[in-house]
PDB file of N, CA and C in Angstrom:
ATOM      1  N   MET A   1    -127.170  11.436 -22.128  1.00  0.00           N
ATOM      2  CA  MET A   1    -127.196  10.963 -23.506  1.00  0.00           C
ATOM      3  C   MET A   1    -128.600  10.924 -24.017  1.00  0.00           C
ATOM      4  N   THR A   2    -128.873  11.522 -25.149  1.00  0.00           N
ATOM      5  CA  THR A   2    -130.187  11.578 -25.720  1.00  0.00           C
ATOM      6  C   THR A   2    -130.340  10.316 -26.625  1.00  0.00           C
ATOM      7  N   ASP A   3    -131.592  10.076 -27.071  1.00  0.00           N
ATOM      8  CA  ASP A   3    -131.844   8.934 -27.942  1.00  0.00           C
ATOM      9  C   ASP A   3    -131.038   8.995 -29.225  1.00  0.00           C
ATOM     10  N   THR A   4    -130.840  10.197 -29.731  1.00  0.00           N
ATOM     11  CA  THR A   4    -130.060  10.352 -30.967  1.00  0.00           C
ATOM     12  C   THR A   4    -128.571  10.105 -30.747  1.00  0.00           C
ATOM     13  N   ASP A   5    -128.109  10.210 -29.462  1.00  0.00           N
ATOM     14  CA  ASP A   5    -126.708   9.932 -29.123  1.00  0.00           C
ATOM     15  C   ASP A   5    -126.490   8.513 -28.683  1.00  0.00           C
ATOM     16  N   ALA A   6    -127.574   7.733 -28.630  1.00  0.00           N
ATOM     17  CA  ALA A   6    -127.453   6.346 -28.145  1.00  0.00           C
ATOM     18  C   ALA A   6    -126.745   5.489 -29.134  1.00  0.00           C
ATOM     19  N   PRO A   7    -125.910   4.568 -28.679  1.00  0.00           N
ATOM     20  CA  PRO A   7    -125.234   3.656 -29.558  1.00  0.00           C
ATOM     21  C   PRO A   7    -126.207   2.834 -30.411  1.00  0.00           C
ATOM     22  N   THR A   8    -125.799   2.484 -31.645  1.00  0.00           N
ATOM     23  CA  THR A   8    -126.617   1.764 -32.564  1.00  0.00           C
ATOM     24  C   THR A   8    -126.355   0.294 -32.466  1.00  0.00           C
ATOM     25  N   PRO A   9    -127.412  -0.554 -32.321  1.00  0.00           N
ATOM     26  CA  PRO A   9    -127.146  -1.963 -32.260  1.00  0.00           C
ATOM     27  C   PRO A   9    -126.536  -2.445 -33.615  1.00  0.00           C
ATOM     28  N   VAL A  10    -125.541  -3.322 -33.502  1.00  0.00           N
ATOM     29  CA  VAL A  10    -124.926  -3.870 -34.740  1.00  0.00           C
ATOM     30  C   VAL A  10    -124.789  -5.380 -34.580  1.00  0.00           C
ATOM     31  N   GLY A  11    -124.589  -6.045 -35.695  1.00  0.00           N
ATOM     32  CA  GLY A  11    -124.346  -7.473 -35.760  1.00  0.00           C
ATOM     33  C   GLY A  11    -122.946  -7.776 -35.248  1.00  0.00           C
ATOM     34  N   ARG A  12    -122.769  -9.043 -34.945  1.00  0.00           N
ATOM     35  CA  ARG A  12    -121.490  -9.440 -34.355  1.00  0.00           C
ATOM     36  C   ARG A  12    -120.299  -9.218 -35.304  1.00  0.00           C
ATOM     37  N   MET A  13    -120.405  -9.529 -36.524  1.00  0.00           N
ATOM     38  CA  MET A  13    -119.247  -9.360 -37.452  1.00  0.00           C
ATOM     39  C   MET A  13    -118.906  -7.845 -37.563  1.00  0.00           C
ATOM     40  N   GLU A  14    -119.873  -6.991 -37.689  1.00  0.00           N
ATOM     41  CA  GLU A  14    -119.573  -5.557 -37.787  1.00  0.00           C
ATOM     42  C   GLU A  14    -118.945  -5.063 -36.503  1.00  0.00           C
ATOM     43  N   TRP A  15    -119.511  -5.512 -35.370  1.00  0.00           N
ATOM     44  CA  TRP A  15    -118.962  -5.127 -34.027  1.00  0.00           C
ATOM     45  C   TRP A  15    -117.489  -5.524 -33.936  1.00  0.00           C
ATOM     46  N   GLU A  16    -117.196  -6.721 -34.332  1.00  0.00           N
ATOM     47  CA  GLU A  16    -115.780  -7.213 -34.205  1.00  0.00           C
ATOM     48  C   GLU A  16    -114.865  -6.381 -35.074  1.00  0.00           C
ATOM     49  N   ARG A  17    -115.297  -5.954 -36.222  1.00  0.00           N
ATOM     50  CA  ARG A  17    -114.463  -5.086 -37.090  1.00  0.00           C
ATOM     51  C   ARG A  17    -114.308  -3.718 -36.366  1.00  0.00           C
ATOM     52  N   LEU A  18    -115.318  -3.131 -35.823  1.00  0.00           N
ATOM     53  CA  LEU A  18    -115.181  -1.853 -35.108  1.00  0.00           C
ATOM     54  C   LEU A  18    -114.216  -1.926 -33.914  1.00  0.00           C
ATOM     55  N   VAL A  19    -114.383  -3.017 -33.091  1.00  0.00           N
ATOM     56  CA  VAL A  19    -113.550  -3.146 -31.921  1.00  0.00           C
ATOM     57  C   VAL A  19    -112.111  -3.412 -32.364  1.00  0.00           C
ATOM     58  N   ARG A  20    -111.875  -4.183 -33.396  1.00  0.00           N
ATOM     59  CA  ARG A  20    -110.546  -4.483 -33.854  1.00  0.00           C
ATOM     60  C   ARG A  20    -109.836  -3.189 -34.253  1.00  0.00           C
ATOM     61  N   ARG A  21    -110.506  -2.240 -34.844  1.00  0.00           N
ATOM     62  CA  ARG A  21    -109.936  -0.957 -35.228  1.00  0.00           C
ATOM     63  C   ARG A  21    -109.876   0.078 -34.155  1.00  0.00           C
ATOM     64  N   ALA A  22    -110.596  -0.121 -33.088  1.00  0.00           N
ATOM     65  CA  ALA A  22    -110.674   0.871 -32.005  1.00  0.00           C
ATOM     66  C   ALA A  22    -109.396   0.880 -31.169  1.00  0.00           C
ATOM     67  N   ASP A  23    -109.162   2.046 -30.638  1.00  0.00           N
ATOM     68  CA  ASP A  23    -107.981   2.280 -29.754  1.00  0.00           C
ATOM     69  C   ASP A  23    -108.417   1.879 -28.298  1.00  0.00           C
ATOM     70  N   LEU A  24    -108.484   0.583 -28.083  1.00  0.00           N
ATOM     71  CA  LEU A  24    -108.828   0.037 -26.770  1.00  0.00           C
ATOM     72  C   LEU A  24    -107.696  -0.815 -26.298  1.00  0.00           C
ATOM     73  N   PRO A  25    -107.492  -0.950 -24.977  1.00  0.00           N
ATOM     74  CA  PRO A  25    -106.465  -1.849 -24.447  1.00  0.00           C
ATOM     75  C   PRO A  25    -106.771  -3.302 -24.922  1.00  0.00           C
ATOM     76  N   LEU A  26    -105.695  -4.072 -25.073  1.00  0.00           N
ATOM     77  CA  LEU A  26    -105.808  -5.451 -25.507  1.00  0.00           C
ATOM     78  C   LEU A  26    -106.764  -6.251 -24.583  1.00  0.00           C
ATOM     79  N   ALA A  27    -106.624  -6.075 -23.288  1.00  0.00           N
ATOM     80  CA  ALA A  27    -107.452  -6.815 -22.370  1.00  0.00           C
ATOM     81  C   ALA A  27    -108.998  -6.500 -22.543  1.00  0.00           C
ATOM     82  N   THR A  28    -109.297  -5.261 -22.832  1.00  0.00           N
ATOM     83  CA  THR A  28    -110.671  -4.863 -23.069  1.00  0.00           C
ATOM     84  C   THR A  28    -111.190  -5.522 -24.277  1.00  0.00           C
ATOM     85  N   LYS A  29    -110.352  -5.538 -25.351  1.00  0.00           N
ATOM     86  CA  LYS A  29    -110.767  -6.193 -26.551  1.00  0.00           C
ATOM     87  C   LYS A  29    -110.978  -7.699 -26.313  1.00  0.00           C
ATOM     88  N   ALA A  30    -110.112  -8.327 -25.592  1.00  0.00           N
ATOM     89  CA  ALA A  30    -110.191  -9.757 -25.325  1.00  0.00           C
ATOM     90  C   ALA A  30    -111.496 -10.108 -24.577  1.00  0.00           C
ATOM     91  N   ILE A  31    -111.865  -9.351 -23.575  1.00  0.00           N
ATOM     92  CA  ILE A  31    -113.071  -9.545 -22.857  1.00  0.00           C
ATOM     93  C   ILE A  31    -114.200  -9.292 -23.765  1.00  0.00           C
ATOM     94  N   GLY A  32    -114.177  -8.273 -24.571  1.00  0.00           N
ATOM     95  CA  GLY A  32    -115.219  -7.973 -25.516  1.00  0.00           C
ATOM     96  C   GLY A  32    -115.456  -9.026 -26.580  1.00  0.00           C
ATOM     97  N   TYR A  33    -114.327  -9.465 -27.160  1.00  0.00           N
ATOM     98  CA  TYR A  33    -114.437 -10.558 -28.196  1.00  0.00           C
ATOM     99  C   TYR A  33    -115.037 -11.813 -27.551  1.00  0.00           C
ATOM    100  N   THR A  34    -114.643 -12.133 -26.372  1.00  0.00           N
ATOM    101  CA  THR A  34    -115.170 -13.311 -25.705  1.00  0.00           C
ATOM    102  C   THR A  34    -116.661 -13.173 -25.462  1.00  0.00           C
ATOM    103  N   LEU A  35    -117.073 -12.043 -24.973  1.00  0.00           N
ATOM    104  CA  LEU A  35    -118.527 -11.765 -24.794  1.00  0.00           C
ATOM    105  C   LEU A  35    -119.251 -11.906 -26.097  1.00  0.00           C
ATOM    106  N   ALA A  36    -118.707 -11.347 -27.147  1.00  0.00           N
ATOM    107  CA  ALA A  36    -119.344 -11.332 -28.477  1.00  0.00           C
ATOM    108  C   ALA A  36    -119.556 -12.783 -28.976  1.00  0.00           C
ATOM    109  N   GLN A  37    -118.649 -13.682 -28.586  1.00  0.00           N
ATOM    110  CA  GLN A  37    -118.860 -15.084 -29.038  1.00  0.00           C
ATOM    111  C   GLN A  37    -120.114 -15.718 -28.489  1.00  0.00           C
ATOM    112  N   TYR A  38    -120.630 -15.148 -27.418  1.00  0.00           N
ATOM    113  CA  TYR A  38    -121.893 -15.683 -26.842  1.00  0.00           C
ATOM    114  C   TYR A  38    -123.130 -14.983 -27.411  1.00  0.00           C
ATOM    115  N   SER A  39    -122.923 -13.999 -28.304  1.00  0.00           N
ATOM    116  CA  SER A  39    -124.135 -13.278 -28.855  1.00  0.00           C
ATOM    117  C   SER A  39    -124.638 -14.010 -30.112  1.00  0.00           C
ATOM    118  N   ASN A  40    -125.808 -13.641 -30.518  1.00  0.00           N
ATOM    119  CA  ASN A  40    -126.317 -14.142 -31.819  1.00  0.00           C
ATOM    120  C   ASN A  40    -125.758 -13.280 -32.931  1.00  0.00           C
ATOM    121  N   LYS A  41    -126.128 -13.659 -34.196  1.00  0.00           N
ATOM    122  CA  LYS A  41    -125.552 -12.895 -35.361  1.00  0.00           C
ATOM    123  C   LYS A  41    -125.954 -11.464 -35.349  1.00  0.00           C
ATOM    124  N   ALA A  42    -127.103 -11.110 -34.732  1.00  0.00           N
ATOM    125  CA  ALA A  42    -127.543  -9.714 -34.682  1.00  0.00           C
ATOM    126  C   ALA A  42    -126.888  -8.950 -33.559  1.00  0.00           C
ATOM    127  N   GLY A  43    -125.996  -9.615 -32.796  1.00  0.00           N
ATOM    128  CA  GLY A  43    -125.271  -8.908 -31.737  1.00  0.00           C
ATOM    129  C   GLY A  43    -126.036  -8.836 -30.413  1.00  0.00           C
ATOM    130  N   GLY A  44    -127.140  -9.585 -30.297  1.00  0.00           N
ATOM    131  CA  GLY A  44    -127.918  -9.563 -29.073  1.00  0.00           C
ATOM    132  C   GLY A  44    -127.816 -10.850 -28.302  1.00  0.00           C
ATOM    133  N   SER A  45    -128.512 -10.897 -27.236  1.00  0.00           N
ATOM    134  CA  SER A  45    -128.553 -12.133 -26.417  1.00  0.00           C
ATOM    135  C   SER A  45    -127.204 -12.604 -25.919  1.00  0.00           C
ATOM    136  N   ALA A  46    -126.292 -11.688 -25.658  1.00  0.00           N
ATOM    137  CA  ALA A  46    -124.982 -12.002 -25.109  1.00  0.00           C
ATOM    138  C   ALA A  46    -125.096 -11.983 -23.575  1.00  0.00           C
ATOM    139  N   HIS A  47    -125.145 -13.149 -23.009  1.00  0.00           N
ATOM    140  CA  HIS A  47    -125.258 -13.177 -21.515  1.00  0.00           C
ATOM    141  C   HIS A  47    -124.563 -14.380 -20.873  1.00  0.00           C
ATOM    142  N   PRO A  48    -123.205 -14.392 -21.096  1.00  0.00           N
ATOM    143  CA  PRO A  48    -122.435 -15.515 -20.490  1.00  0.00           C
ATOM    144  C   PRO A  48    -122.271 -15.358 -18.977  1.00  0.00           C
ATOM    145  N   GLY A  49    -122.377 -14.186 -18.460  1.00  0.00           N
ATOM    146  CA  GLY A  49    -122.135 -13.910 -17.050  1.00  0.00           C
ATOM    147  C   GLY A  49    -120.692 -13.589 -16.759  1.00  0.00           C
ATOM    148  N   VAL A  50    -120.512 -12.815 -15.712  1.00  0.00           N
ATOM    149  CA  VAL A  50    -119.157 -12.354 -15.344  1.00  0.00           C
ATOM    150  C   VAL A  50    -118.247 -13.540 -14.889  1.00  0.00           C
ATOM    151  N   ALA A  51    -118.815 -14.437 -14.132  1.00  0.00           N
ATOM    152  CA  ALA A  51    -118.042 -15.560 -13.626  1.00  0.00           C
ATOM    153  C   ALA A  51    -117.535 -16.467 -14.801  1.00  0.00           C
ATOM    154  N   ARG A  52    -118.395 -16.658 -15.796  1.00  0.00           N
ATOM    155  CA  ARG A  52    -117.969 -17.486 -16.942  1.00  0.00           C
ATOM    156  C   ARG A  52    -116.898 -16.757 -17.739  1.00  0.00           C
ATOM    157  N   LEU A  53    -117.095 -15.433 -18.014  1.00  0.00           N
ATOM    158  CA  LEU A  53    -116.095 -14.718 -18.728  1.00  0.00           C
ATOM    159  C   LEU A  53    -114.741 -14.701 -17.983  1.00  0.00           C
ATOM    160  N   ALA A  54    -114.787 -14.611 -16.695  1.00  0.00           N
ATOM    161  CA  ALA A  54    -113.583 -14.647 -15.921  1.00  0.00           C
ATOM    162  C   ALA A  54    -112.869 -15.988 -16.064  1.00  0.00           C
ATOM    163  N   ARG A  55    -113.647 -17.076 -16.006  1.00  0.00           N
ATOM    164  CA  ARG A  55    -113.015 -18.413 -16.179  1.00  0.00           C
ATOM    165  C   ARG A  55    -112.414 -18.570 -17.566  1.00  0.00           C
ATOM    166  N   VAL A  56    -113.168 -18.203 -18.591  1.00  0.00           N
ATOM    167  CA  VAL A  56    -112.752 -18.412 -19.972  1.00  0.00           C
ATOM    168  C   VAL A  56    -111.528 -17.525 -20.279  1.00  0.00           C
ATOM    169  N   CYS A  57    -111.515 -16.318 -19.806  1.00  0.00           N
ATOM    170  CA  CYS A  57    -110.440 -15.366 -20.057  1.00  0.00           C
ATOM    171  C   CYS A  57    -109.252 -15.511 -19.055  1.00  0.00           C
ATOM    172  N   ARG A  58    -109.507 -16.326 -18.021  1.00  0.00           N
ATOM    173  CA  ARG A  58    -108.468 -16.564 -16.993  1.00  0.00           C
ATOM    174  C   ARG A  58    -108.061 -15.318 -16.296  1.00  0.00           C
ATOM    175  N   VAL A  59    -109.038 -14.498 -15.900  1.00  0.00           N
ATOM    176  CA  VAL A  59    -108.858 -13.320 -15.090  1.00  0.00           C
ATOM    177  C   VAL A  59    -109.861 -13.353 -13.927  1.00  0.00           C
ATOM    178  N   ASP A  60    -109.725 -12.453 -13.009  1.00  0.00           N
ATOM    179  CA  ASP A  60    -110.757 -12.397 -11.951  1.00  0.00           C
ATOM    180  C   ASP A  60    -111.980 -11.565 -12.362  1.00  0.00           C
ATOM    181  N   GLU A  61    -113.028 -11.767 -11.588  1.00  0.00           N
ATOM    182  CA  GLU A  61    -114.322 -11.165 -11.951  1.00  0.00           C
ATOM    183  C   GLU A  61    -114.228  -9.622 -11.897  1.00  0.00           C
ATOM    184  N   LYS A  62    -113.440  -9.076 -11.006  1.00  0.00           N
ATOM    185  CA  LYS A  62    -113.280  -7.622 -10.964  1.00  0.00           C
ATOM    186  C   LYS A  62    -112.700  -7.071 -12.258  1.00  0.00           C
ATOM    187  N   THR A  63    -111.740  -7.822 -12.861  1.00  0.00           N
ATOM    188  CA  THR A  63    -111.147  -7.445 -14.098  1.00  0.00           C
ATOM    189  C   THR A  63    -112.200  -7.461 -15.225  1.00  0.00           C
ATOM    190  N   VAL A  64    -113.027  -8.466 -15.268  1.00  0.00           N
ATOM    191  CA  VAL A  64    -114.068  -8.594 -16.284  1.00  0.00           C
ATOM    192  C   VAL A  64    -115.042  -7.374 -16.150  1.00  0.00           C
ATOM    193  N   LYS A  65    -115.466  -7.153 -14.950  1.00  0.00           N
ATOM    194  CA  LYS A  65    -116.432  -6.018 -14.699  1.00  0.00           C
ATOM    195  C   LYS A  65    -115.836  -4.668 -15.141  1.00  0.00           C
ATOM    196  N   ARG A  66    -114.528  -4.466 -14.894  1.00  0.00           N
ATOM    197  CA  ARG A  66    -113.862  -3.228 -15.286  1.00  0.00           C
ATOM    198  C   ARG A  66    -113.874  -3.095 -16.755  1.00  0.00           C
ATOM    199  N   HIS A  67    -113.564  -4.138 -17.500  1.00  0.00           N
ATOM    200  CA  HIS A  67    -113.482  -4.026 -18.950  1.00  0.00           C
ATOM    201  C   HIS A  67    -114.857  -3.932 -19.568  1.00  0.00           C
ATOM    202  N   LEU A  68    -115.847  -4.616 -19.031  1.00  0.00           N
ATOM    203  CA  LEU A  68    -117.235  -4.482 -19.528  1.00  0.00           C
ATOM    204  C   LEU A  68    -117.737  -3.073 -19.306  1.00  0.00           C
ATOM    205  N   THR A  69    -117.354  -2.467 -18.189  1.00  0.00           N
ATOM    206  CA  THR A  69    -117.727  -1.066 -17.930  1.00  0.00           C
ATOM    207  C   THR A  69    -117.065  -0.198 -18.997  1.00  0.00           C
ATOM    208  N   ALA A  70    -115.750  -0.415 -19.279  1.00  0.00           N
ATOM    209  CA  ALA A  70    -115.053   0.374 -20.277  1.00  0.00           C
ATOM    210  C   ALA A  70    -115.734   0.254 -21.631  1.00  0.00           C
ATOM    211  N   LEU A  71    -116.151  -0.954 -22.024  1.00  0.00           N
ATOM    212  CA  LEU A  71    -116.828  -1.121 -23.295  1.00  0.00           C
ATOM    213  C   LEU A  71    -118.191  -0.412 -23.336  1.00  0.00           C
ATOM    214  N   ARG A  72    -118.928  -0.475 -22.197  1.00  0.00           N
ATOM    215  CA  ARG A  72    -120.214   0.238 -22.105  1.00  0.00           C
ATOM    216  C   ARG A  72    -119.986   1.775 -22.175  1.00  0.00           C
ATOM    217  N   GLU A  73    -119.012   2.269 -21.482  1.00  0.00           N
ATOM    218  CA  GLU A  73    -118.757   3.662 -21.438  1.00  0.00           C
ATOM    219  C   GLU A  73    -118.272   4.205 -22.824  1.00  0.00           C
ATOM    220  N   ALA A  74    -117.579   3.339 -23.584  1.00  0.00           N
ATOM    221  CA  ALA A  74    -117.151   3.765 -24.900  1.00  0.00           C
ATOM    222  C   ALA A  74    -118.246   3.618 -25.916  1.00  0.00           C
ATOM    223  N   GLY A  75    -119.349   2.973 -25.537  1.00  0.00           N
ATOM    224  CA  GLY A  75    -120.494   2.814 -26.464  1.00  0.00           C
ATOM    225  C   GLY A  75    -120.522   1.560 -27.296  1.00  0.00           C
ATOM    226  N   PHE A  76    -119.693   0.568 -26.919  1.00  0.00           N
ATOM    227  CA  PHE A  76    -119.590  -0.679 -27.679  1.00  0.00           C
ATOM    228  C   PHE A  76    -120.562  -1.724 -27.126  1.00  0.00           C
ATOM    229  N   LEU A  77    -121.117  -1.486 -25.931  1.00  0.00           N
ATOM    230  CA  LEU A  77    -122.056  -2.457 -25.324  1.00  0.00           C
ATOM    231  C   LEU A  77    -123.167  -1.706 -24.665  1.00  0.00           C
ATOM    232  N   VAL A  78    -124.338  -2.286 -24.706  1.00  0.00           N
ATOM    233  CA  VAL A  78    -125.483  -1.732 -23.899  1.00  0.00           C
ATOM    234  C   VAL A  78    -126.066  -2.913 -23.117  1.00  0.00           C
ATOM    235  N   ARG A  79    -126.188  -2.681 -21.863  1.00  0.00           N
ATOM    236  CA  ARG A  79    -126.767  -3.705 -20.964  1.00  0.00           C
ATOM    237  C   ARG A  79    -128.296  -3.588 -21.163  1.00  0.00           C
ATOM    238  N   LYS A  80    -128.877  -4.693 -21.645  1.00  0.00           N
ATOM    239  CA  LYS A  80    -130.347  -4.711 -21.891  1.00  0.00           C
ATOM    240  C   LYS A  80    -131.067  -4.890 -20.634  1.00  0.00           C
ATOM    241  N   GLN A  81    -132.329  -4.498 -20.577  1.00  0.00           N
ATOM    242  CA  GLN A  81    -133.197  -4.600 -19.443  1.00  0.00           C
ATOM    243  C   GLN A  81    -132.588  -3.955 -18.182  1.00  0.00           C
ATOM    244  N   GLU A  82    -132.040  -2.753 -18.412  1.00  0.00           N
ATOM    245  CA  GLU A  82    -131.357  -1.997 -17.340  1.00  0.00           C
ATOM    246  C   GLU A  82    -132.359  -1.846 -16.132  1.00  0.00           C
ATOM    247  N   ASP A  83    -133.615  -1.663 -16.435  1.00  0.00           N
ATOM    248  CA  ASP A  83    -134.607  -1.407 -15.333  1.00  0.00           C
ATOM    249  C   ASP A  83    -134.789  -2.660 -14.504  1.00  0.00           C
ATOM    250  N   GLN A  84    -134.421  -3.834 -14.971  1.00  0.00           N
ATOM    251  CA  GLN A  84    -134.570  -5.069 -14.210  1.00  0.00           C
ATOM    252  C   GLN A  84    -133.193  -5.526 -13.586  1.00  0.00           C
ATOM    253  N   TRP A  85    -132.210  -4.677 -13.662  1.00  0.00           N
ATOM    254  CA  TRP A  85    -130.878  -5.107 -13.289  1.00  0.00           C
ATOM    255  C   TRP A  85    -130.810  -5.599 -11.841  1.00  0.00           C
ATOM    256  N   ARG A  86    -131.378  -4.865 -10.865  1.00  0.00           N
ATOM    257  CA  ARG A  86    -131.309  -5.291  -9.460  1.00  0.00           C
ATOM    258  C   ARG A  86    -131.998  -6.657  -9.264  1.00  0.00           C
ATOM    259  N   ARG A  87    -133.102  -6.821  -9.923  1.00  0.00           N
ATOM    260  CA  ARG A  87    -133.818  -8.134  -9.830  1.00  0.00           C
ATOM    261  C   ARG A  87    -132.956  -9.267 -10.383  1.00  0.00           C
ATOM    262  N   ARG A  88    -132.306  -9.022 -11.561  1.00  0.00           N
ATOM    263  CA  ARG A  88    -131.519 -10.092 -12.190  1.00  0.00           C
ATOM    264  C   ARG A  88    -130.310 -10.410 -11.273  1.00  0.00           C
ATOM    265  N   VAL A  89    -129.675  -9.387 -10.629  1.00  0.00           N
ATOM    266  CA  VAL A  89    -128.566  -9.671  -9.763  1.00  0.00           C
ATOM    267  C   VAL A  89    -129.007 -10.495  -8.558  1.00  0.00           C
ATOM    268  N   ALA A  90    -130.155 -10.106  -8.027  1.00  0.00           N
ATOM    269  CA  ALA A  90    -130.715 -10.852  -6.830  1.00  0.00           C
ATOM    270  C   ALA A  90    -130.975 -12.284  -7.164  1.00  0.00           C
ATOM    271  N   LEU A  91    -131.410 -12.558  -8.380  1.00  0.00           N
ATOM    272  CA  LEU A  91    -131.730 -13.921  -8.767  1.00  0.00           C
ATOM    273  C   LEU A  91    -130.481 -14.657  -9.363  1.00  0.00           C
ATOM    274  N   GLY A  92    -129.387 -13.996  -9.458  1.00  0.00           N
ATOM    275  CA  GLY A  92    -128.228 -14.632 -10.018  1.00  0.00           C
ATOM    276  C   GLY A  92    -128.232 -14.809 -11.557  1.00  0.00           C
ATOM    277  N   ILE A  93    -129.034 -13.995 -12.204  1.00  0.00           N
ATOM    278  CA  ILE A  93    -129.179 -14.113 -13.685  1.00  0.00           C
ATOM    279  C   ILE A  93    -128.136 -13.158 -14.332  1.00  0.00           C
ATOM    280  N   ALA A  94    -127.473 -13.690 -15.324  1.00  0.00           N
ATOM    281  CA  ALA A  94    -126.422 -12.892 -15.985  1.00  0.00           C
ATOM    282  C   ALA A  94    -127.039 -11.724 -16.766  1.00  0.00           C
ATOM    283  N   ASP A  95    -126.278 -10.622 -16.786  1.00  0.00           N
ATOM    284  CA  ASP A  95    -126.674  -9.450 -17.609  1.00  0.00           C
ATOM    285  C   ASP A  95    -126.764  -9.903 -19.065  1.00  0.00           C
ATOM    286  N   ASP A  96    -127.673  -9.223 -19.785  1.00  0.00           N
ATOM    287  CA  ASP A  96    -127.897  -9.485 -21.228  1.00  0.00           C
ATOM    288  C   ASP A  96    -127.403  -8.296 -21.959  1.00  0.00           C
ATOM    289  N   TYR A  97    -126.428  -8.450 -22.856  1.00  0.00           N
ATOM    290  CA  TYR A  97    -125.810  -7.337 -23.585  1.00  0.00           C
ATOM    291  C   TYR A  97    -126.199  -7.284 -25.049  1.00  0.00           C
ATOM    292  N   GLN A  98    -126.273  -6.122 -25.621  1.00  0.00           N
ATOM    293  CA  GLN A  98    -126.371  -5.913 -27.060  1.00  0.00           C
ATOM    294  C   GLN A  98    -125.087  -5.281 -27.520  1.00  0.00           C
ATOM    295  N   LEU A  99    -124.478  -5.825 -28.583  1.00  0.00           N
ATOM    296  CA  LEU A  99    -123.262  -5.209 -29.195  1.00  0.00           C
ATOM    297  C   LEU A  99    -123.731  -3.987 -29.943  1.00  0.00           C
ATOM    298  N   THR A 100    -122.986  -2.870 -29.732  1.00  0.00           N
ATOM    299  CA  THR A 100    -123.396  -1.600 -30.387  1.00  0.00           C
ATOM    300  C   THR A 100    -122.200  -0.868 -31.001  1.00  0.00           C
ATOM    301  N   ALA A 101    -122.531   0.081 -31.918  1.00  0.00           N
ATOM    302  CA  ALA A 101    -121.560   0.951 -32.500  1.00  0.00           C
ATOM    303  C   ALA A 101    -121.731   2.310 -31.870  1.00  0.00           C
ATOM    304  N   PRO A 102    -120.686   2.798 -31.213  1.00  0.00           N
ATOM    305  CA  PRO A 102    -120.786   4.147 -30.597  1.00  0.00           C
ATOM    306  C   PRO A 102    -120.964   5.243 -31.608  1.00  0.00           C
ATOM    307  N   VAL A 103    -121.815   6.185 -31.303  1.00  0.00           N
ATOM    308  CA  VAL A 103    -122.167   7.282 -32.238  1.00  0.00           C
ATOM    309  C   VAL A 103    -120.965   8.197 -32.537  1.00  0.00           C
ATOM    310  N   ASP A 104    -120.247   8.593 -31.484  1.00  0.00           N
ATOM    311  CA  ASP A 104    -119.219   9.601 -31.618  1.00  0.00           C
ATOM    312  C   ASP A 104    -117.857   9.114 -31.369  1.00  0.00           C
ATOM    313  N   TYR A 105    -117.584   7.827 -31.463  1.00  0.00           N
ATOM    314  CA  TYR A 105    -116.325   7.263 -31.120  1.00  0.00           C
ATOM    315  C   TYR A 105    -115.207   7.813 -31.994  1.00  0.00           C
ATOM    316  N   LEU A 106    -115.475   8.007 -33.300  1.00  0.00           N
ATOM    317  CA  LEU A 106    -114.481   8.523 -34.205  1.00  0.00           C
ATOM    318  C   LEU A 106    -114.032   9.924 -33.833  1.00  0.00           C
ATOM    319  N   GLU A 107    -114.956  10.713 -33.280  1.00  0.00           N
ATOM    320  CA  GLU A 107    -114.612  12.070 -32.930  1.00  0.00           C
ATOM    321  C   GLU A 107    -113.804  12.206 -31.639  1.00  0.00           C
ATOM    322  N   ARG A 108    -113.943  11.230 -30.730  1.00  0.00           N
ATOM    323  CA  ARG A 108    -113.325  11.326 -29.428  1.00  0.00           C
ATOM    324  C   ARG A 108    -112.165  10.346 -29.208  1.00  0.00           C
ATOM    325  N   SER A 109    -111.812   9.563 -30.219  1.00  0.00           N
ATOM    326  CA  SER A 109    -110.749   8.592 -30.075  1.00  0.00           C
ATOM    327  C   SER A 109    -110.023   8.318 -31.347  1.00  0.00           C
ATOM    328  N   THR A 110    -108.763   7.871 -31.227  1.00  0.00           N
ATOM    329  CA  THR A 110    -108.051   7.431 -32.431  1.00  0.00           C
ATOM    330  C   THR A 110    -108.622   6.060 -32.829  1.00  0.00           C
ATOM    331  N   TYR A 111    -108.490   5.817 -34.142  1.00  0.00           N
ATOM    332  CA  TYR A 111    -109.133   4.676 -34.706  1.00  0.00           C
ATOM    333  C   TYR A 111    -108.350   4.302 -35.974  1.00  0.00           C
ATOM    334  N   LEU A 112    -108.212   3.034 -36.296  1.00  0.00           N
ATOM    335  CA  LEU A 112    -107.551   2.651 -37.522  1.00  0.00           C
ATOM    336  C   LEU A 112    -108.519   2.843 -38.682  1.00  0.00           C
ATOM    337  N   ASP A 113    -107.985   3.254 -39.865  1.00  0.00           N
ATOM    338  CA  ASP A 113    -108.867   3.402 -41.004  1.00  0.00           C
ATOM    339  C   ASP A 113    -109.442   2.007 -41.433  1.00  0.00           C
ATOM    340  N   PRO A 114    -110.410   1.994 -42.402  1.00  0.00           N
ATOM    341  CA  PRO A 114    -111.046   0.761 -42.740  1.00  0.00           C
ATOM    342  C   PRO A 114    -110.047  -0.307 -43.293  1.00  0.00           C
ATOM    343  N   ASP A 115    -108.932   0.110 -43.830  1.00  0.00           N
ATOM    344  CA  ASP A 115    -107.904  -0.830 -44.306  1.00  0.00           C
ATOM    345  C   ASP A 115    -106.923  -1.224 -43.188  1.00  0.00           C
ATOM    346  N   GLU A 116    -107.171  -0.679 -42.008  1.00  0.00           N
ATOM    347  CA  GLU A 116    -106.334  -0.989 -40.803  1.00  0.00           C
ATOM    348  C   GLU A 116    -104.885  -0.650 -41.045  1.00  0.00           C
ATOM    349  N   GLN A 117    -104.635   0.464 -41.779  1.00  0.00           N
ATOM    350  CA  GLN A 117    -103.215   0.834 -42.099  1.00  0.00           C
ATOM    351  C   GLN A 117    -102.751   2.017 -41.265  1.00  0.00           C
ATOM    352  N   VAL A 118    -103.555   3.047 -41.085  1.00  0.00           N
ATOM    353  CA  VAL A 118    -103.132   4.227 -40.410  1.00  0.00           C
ATOM    354  C   VAL A 118    -104.265   4.694 -39.465  1.00  0.00           C
ATOM    355  N   GLN A 119    -103.831   5.488 -38.459  1.00  0.00           N
ATOM    356  CA  GLN A 119    -104.773   6.072 -37.522  1.00  0.00           C
ATOM    357  C   GLN A 119    -105.667   7.073 -38.299  1.00  0.00           C
ATOM    358  N   ALA A 120    -106.943   6.952 -38.103  1.00  0.00           N
ATOM    359  CA  ALA A 120    -107.914   7.935 -38.756  1.00  0.00           C
ATOM    360  C   ALA A 120    -108.020   9.118 -37.890  1.00  0.00           C
TER     361      ALA A 120
END
């Protein structure tokens, strides 16, 4: 993925509208919405941790990780400070996420139109 293909950081409200319209499984949306509640208005500083998300969503940690990976792969999340990931894991520090808008999601997936009436 080049820099021009990188997802664009977005604010929490815009991100929620994008995810609501996206063709994603309900569980993926639920994990994503819960993560977004921990972000600031600009969609950054989302770092509740996998264990907390699992407790809040009443699922196991493996399920949370799977859905966070799906959101990252679809371009809806970027894990910040990727270069420090191993250090953060070793110290037990939660990953820090930025909510993003995927660049090419409309081209590769079905999506509800802005009025949420029909598939775009």
